[in-house]
Protein backbone atom coordinates (compact mmCIF):
# COMPACT_ATOMS: atom_id res chain seq x y z
CA MET A 1 40.63 1.74 -95.95
CA SER A 2 39.43 0.55 -92.54
CA VAL A 3 40.42 2.21 -89.27
CA ALA A 4 42.76 -0.72 -88.53
CA GLU A 5 44.46 -0.37 -91.94
CA ASN A 6 44.83 3.38 -91.44
CA ILE A 7 46.43 2.83 -88.04
CA LYS A 8 48.87 0.33 -89.54
CA ASN A 9 49.79 2.86 -92.23
CA VAL A 10 50.26 5.73 -89.73
CA ARG A 11 52.40 3.53 -87.46
CA GLU A 12 54.58 2.42 -90.38
CA ARG A 13 55.15 6.06 -91.36
CA MET A 14 55.80 7.01 -87.74
CA ASN A 15 58.33 4.19 -87.35
CA ALA A 16 60.07 5.19 -90.58
CA ALA A 17 60.35 8.80 -89.33
CA CYS A 18 61.85 7.51 -86.07
CA LEU A 19 64.35 5.45 -88.04
CA ARG A 20 65.40 8.49 -90.08
CA ALA A 21 65.92 10.48 -86.87
CA GLY A 22 67.72 7.64 -85.07
CA ARG A 23 64.93 7.38 -82.50
CA ASP A 24 63.21 4.43 -80.86
CA PRO A 25 59.54 4.24 -82.00
CA LYS A 26 58.64 3.41 -78.38
CA GLU A 27 59.47 7.05 -77.55
CA VAL A 28 56.44 8.26 -79.54
CA THR A 29 52.82 7.86 -78.46
CA LEU A 30 50.16 7.89 -81.16
CA ILE A 31 46.99 9.68 -80.07
CA SER A 32 43.93 8.81 -82.17
CA VAL A 33 42.02 12.08 -82.48
CA SER A 34 38.46 10.86 -82.19
CA LYS A 35 36.60 14.18 -81.93
CA THR A 36 33.16 14.05 -83.60
CA LYS A 37 33.58 10.32 -84.23
CA PRO A 38 31.10 7.72 -82.91
CA VAL A 39 32.07 5.26 -80.18
CA SER A 40 31.93 2.44 -82.74
CA MET A 41 34.94 3.97 -84.55
CA LEU A 42 36.84 4.43 -81.29
CA MET A 43 36.24 0.75 -80.61
CA GLU A 44 37.65 -0.15 -84.03
CA ALA A 45 40.83 1.69 -83.04
CA TYR A 46 40.76 0.00 -79.63
CA GLU A 47 40.51 -3.42 -81.24
CA ALA A 48 43.48 -2.51 -83.44
CA GLY A 49 45.51 -1.95 -80.28
CA GLU A 50 45.16 1.80 -79.74
CA ARG A 51 44.60 3.09 -76.22
CA ASP A 52 45.05 6.88 -76.43
CA TYR A 53 42.23 9.11 -77.69
CA GLY A 54 42.23 12.86 -78.24
CA GLU A 55 39.05 14.89 -77.89
CA ASN A 56 38.35 18.59 -78.39
CA LYS A 57 35.18 18.92 -76.38
CA VAL A 58 34.48 18.23 -72.73
CA GLN A 59 30.98 16.97 -73.53
CA GLU A 60 32.31 14.31 -75.92
CA ILE A 61 34.76 13.04 -73.30
CA THR A 62 32.08 12.78 -70.61
CA GLU A 63 29.76 10.93 -73.01
CA LYS A 64 32.37 8.55 -74.49
CA ARG A 65 34.45 7.74 -71.42
CA PRO A 66 31.89 5.35 -69.81
CA GLN A 67 31.39 3.51 -73.13
CA ILE A 68 35.06 2.67 -73.71
CA PRO A 69 37.07 0.02 -71.78
CA GLU A 70 38.77 1.21 -68.60
CA ASP A 71 42.31 0.90 -69.94
CA ALA A 72 41.65 3.47 -72.69
CA LYS A 73 43.08 6.92 -71.99
CA PHE A 74 41.52 10.22 -72.98
CA HIS A 75 43.48 13.40 -73.72
CA MET A 76 41.90 16.87 -73.75
CA ILE A 77 43.47 18.46 -76.82
CA GLY A 78 40.99 21.26 -77.54
CA HIS A 79 40.65 24.70 -75.97
CA LEU A 80 39.50 24.27 -72.36
CA GLN A 81 37.23 26.89 -70.86
CA THR A 82 37.72 27.54 -67.14
CA ASN A 83 34.06 26.77 -66.38
CA LYS A 84 34.44 23.25 -67.87
CA VAL A 85 37.57 22.19 -65.98
CA GLY A 86 35.64 20.48 -63.16
CA GLN A 87 33.72 18.30 -65.62
CA VAL A 88 36.78 16.81 -67.28
CA ILE A 89 39.74 16.92 -64.90
CA ASP A 90 39.27 13.41 -63.51
CA LYS A 91 38.37 11.84 -66.87
CA VAL A 92 41.58 12.59 -68.80
CA VAL A 93 45.21 11.56 -68.33
CA LEU A 94 46.56 14.78 -69.81
CA ILE A 95 45.31 18.27 -70.66
CA HIS A 96 47.30 19.35 -73.73
CA SER A 97 45.79 22.83 -73.90
CA CYS A 98 46.84 24.74 -70.78
CA ASP A 99 47.32 28.10 -72.46
CA SER A 100 47.52 30.52 -69.50
CA VAL A 101 48.31 30.87 -65.82
CA HIS A 102 44.64 31.78 -65.33
CA LEU A 103 43.53 28.37 -66.65
CA ALA A 104 46.22 26.64 -64.57
CA GLU A 105 44.84 28.36 -61.45
CA LYS A 106 41.40 26.90 -62.15
CA ILE A 107 42.91 23.44 -62.79
CA GLU A 108 44.78 23.75 -59.47
CA LYS A 109 41.54 24.56 -57.60
CA GLU A 110 39.60 21.68 -59.14
CA ALA A 111 42.45 19.20 -58.66
CA ALA A 112 42.85 20.25 -55.00
CA LYS A 113 39.14 19.57 -54.42
CA ARG A 114 39.67 16.00 -55.61
CA ASP A 115 43.04 15.56 -53.89
CA MET A 116 44.68 14.69 -57.23
CA ILE A 117 47.50 15.98 -59.39
CA ALA A 118 46.45 17.15 -62.85
CA ASN A 119 48.98 16.57 -65.64
CA VAL A 120 49.06 19.36 -68.22
CA LEU A 121 50.99 20.53 -71.25
CA PHE A 122 51.56 24.18 -72.02
CA GLU A 123 49.94 25.02 -75.35
CA VAL A 124 52.48 27.15 -77.22
CA ASN A 125 51.56 29.23 -80.26
CA VAL A 126 55.01 28.96 -81.84
CA ALA A 127 53.94 30.46 -85.18
CA ARG A 128 52.14 33.34 -83.39
CA GLU A 129 48.94 32.79 -85.37
CA GLU A 130 46.17 35.18 -84.36
CA SER A 131 43.52 32.50 -84.93
CA LYS A 132 45.07 30.10 -82.40
CA PHE A 133 45.18 29.88 -78.64
CA GLY A 134 48.42 29.37 -76.75
CA MET A 135 51.19 31.29 -75.04
CA PHE A 136 54.16 32.58 -77.00
CA LEU A 137 57.61 30.98 -76.69
CA GLU A 138 58.93 33.82 -74.52
CA ASP A 139 56.07 33.39 -72.02
CA VAL A 140 56.73 29.71 -71.32
CA ILE A 141 59.54 29.97 -68.76
CA PRO A 142 57.96 32.82 -66.71
CA ASN A 143 54.63 30.97 -66.68
CA LEU A 144 56.33 27.70 -65.74
CA LYS A 145 58.04 29.36 -62.78
CA GLU A 146 54.70 30.76 -61.60
CA ILE A 147 52.82 27.46 -61.95
CA GLN A 148 55.51 25.53 -60.09
CA ALA A 149 53.97 26.93 -56.91
CA PHE A 150 50.75 24.99 -57.62
CA PRO A 151 50.93 21.68 -55.72
CA HIS A 152 48.15 19.98 -57.73
CA VAL A 153 49.34 20.83 -61.26
CA CYS A 154 52.25 19.07 -62.96
CA VAL A 155 53.54 20.51 -66.23
CA LYS A 156 54.59 17.44 -68.23
CA GLY A 157 55.72 19.29 -71.34
CA MET A 158 54.46 21.38 -74.24
CA MET A 159 52.05 21.14 -77.15
CA THR A 160 51.77 23.12 -80.36
CA ILE A 161 49.39 23.21 -83.29
CA ALA A 162 51.44 24.17 -86.33
CA PRO A 163 49.95 26.15 -89.24
CA ASN A 164 47.78 24.34 -91.77
CA VAL A 165 50.15 24.10 -94.75
CA GLU A 166 50.33 22.15 -98.02
CA ASN A 167 54.00 21.29 -97.54
CA ALA A 168 54.81 19.81 -94.11
CA GLU A 169 58.42 20.98 -94.43
CA GLU A 170 57.20 24.54 -93.83
CA ASN A 171 56.38 23.54 -90.23
CA ARG A 172 59.78 22.02 -89.46
CA LYS A 173 61.09 25.35 -88.15
CA TYR A 174 58.25 25.59 -85.59
CA PHE A 175 58.83 22.05 -84.32
CA LYS A 176 62.57 22.80 -84.08
CA GLU A 177 61.92 25.96 -82.06
CA LEU A 178 59.69 24.18 -79.56
CA TYR A 179 62.15 21.30 -79.22
CA GLN A 180 64.98 23.78 -78.57
CA LEU A 181 62.97 25.45 -75.79
CA TYR A 182 62.16 22.00 -74.35
CA VAL A 183 65.88 21.11 -74.26
CA ASP A 184 66.79 24.49 -72.72
CA ILE A 185 64.21 24.07 -69.94
CA LYS A 186 65.46 20.55 -69.18
CA ASN A 187 69.12 21.58 -69.26
CA LYS A 188 68.51 24.44 -66.84
CA ASN A 189 66.22 22.21 -64.74
CA ILE A 190 63.57 24.94 -64.70
CA ASP A 191 60.94 22.18 -64.85
CA ASN A 192 62.13 20.39 -61.67
CA GLY A 193 62.57 17.33 -63.86
CA THR A 194 58.88 16.83 -64.74
CA MET A 195 59.02 17.62 -68.47
CA SER A 196 59.00 14.60 -70.75
CA VAL A 197 56.32 15.31 -73.38
CA LEU A 198 56.35 17.21 -76.68
CA SER A 199 52.92 16.91 -78.30
CA MET A 200 53.31 18.10 -81.88
CA GLY A 201 52.41 16.92 -85.34
CA MET A 202 49.05 16.03 -86.87
CA THR A 203 47.87 14.09 -89.93
CA GLY A 204 49.57 16.44 -92.40
CA ASP A 205 52.92 16.91 -90.69
CA PHE A 206 53.48 14.24 -88.02
CA GLU A 207 56.49 12.70 -89.77
CA VAL A 208 58.37 16.01 -89.68
CA ALA A 209 57.33 16.46 -86.04
CA VAL A 210 58.69 13.01 -85.13
CA GLU A 211 61.96 13.82 -86.88
CA GLU A 212 62.18 16.97 -84.76
CA GLY A 213 61.55 15.31 -81.40
CA ALA A 214 57.79 14.86 -80.88
CA THR A 215 56.94 12.33 -78.16
CA MET A 216 53.19 12.47 -78.94
CA ILE A 217 51.50 12.91 -82.29
CA ARG A 218 47.80 13.64 -82.72
CA VAL A 219 46.32 11.97 -85.79
CA GLY A 220 42.62 12.23 -86.64
CA THR A 221 41.91 12.28 -90.37
CA GLY A 222 44.77 9.85 -91.04
CA ILE A 223 43.03 7.27 -88.82
CA PHE A 224 39.31 7.97 -88.93
CA GLY A 225 39.01 9.74 -92.31
CA SER A 226 37.72 13.26 -92.85
CA ARG A 227 34.67 14.49 -90.98
């Protein structure tokens, strides 16, 4: 199937998941995960109406950004090293992978230099997998309170990468847990009203994530095929 056909299929499945959960499909942003893919494939997605692209590497963003129309938006979804923050901060609309106060400090410094506000998501390792980056659920609120003192960083929400499982239902509990924390933070107004994003769900489990409250899903293989 072509990229356009794959996008149509993913959107139909996403809309059906919204319907099951009683949600408006407009509440969910589809991010086409274009890491390792050539610009020609990103343009196929662009021509099919997609505007949000997820990349894992700073170098790929800096190379692709000038080749894609201005209204396209890039998201940094991979692990971000502190020494690369300056290269990418003004080229992305959202950093999904802020996994520590230390990284947030570096983002604050680089954003201050440019007199801009950097939008970030806390990467949360809900399943506590040793192989993954991210803070644990219990660290989120203390870290959020600390980062609120940074005038150039805005925490827009949270992101998680659920375990790689055969049966997507196995990840429902992790999506539920992150959604519950998201609701708690909003109810207690710990976020000063800035939280609006839950980035969760990938090719194998995005329908379950949508049912459990995802506002962004990150789909790569389902759109561009396997690497």
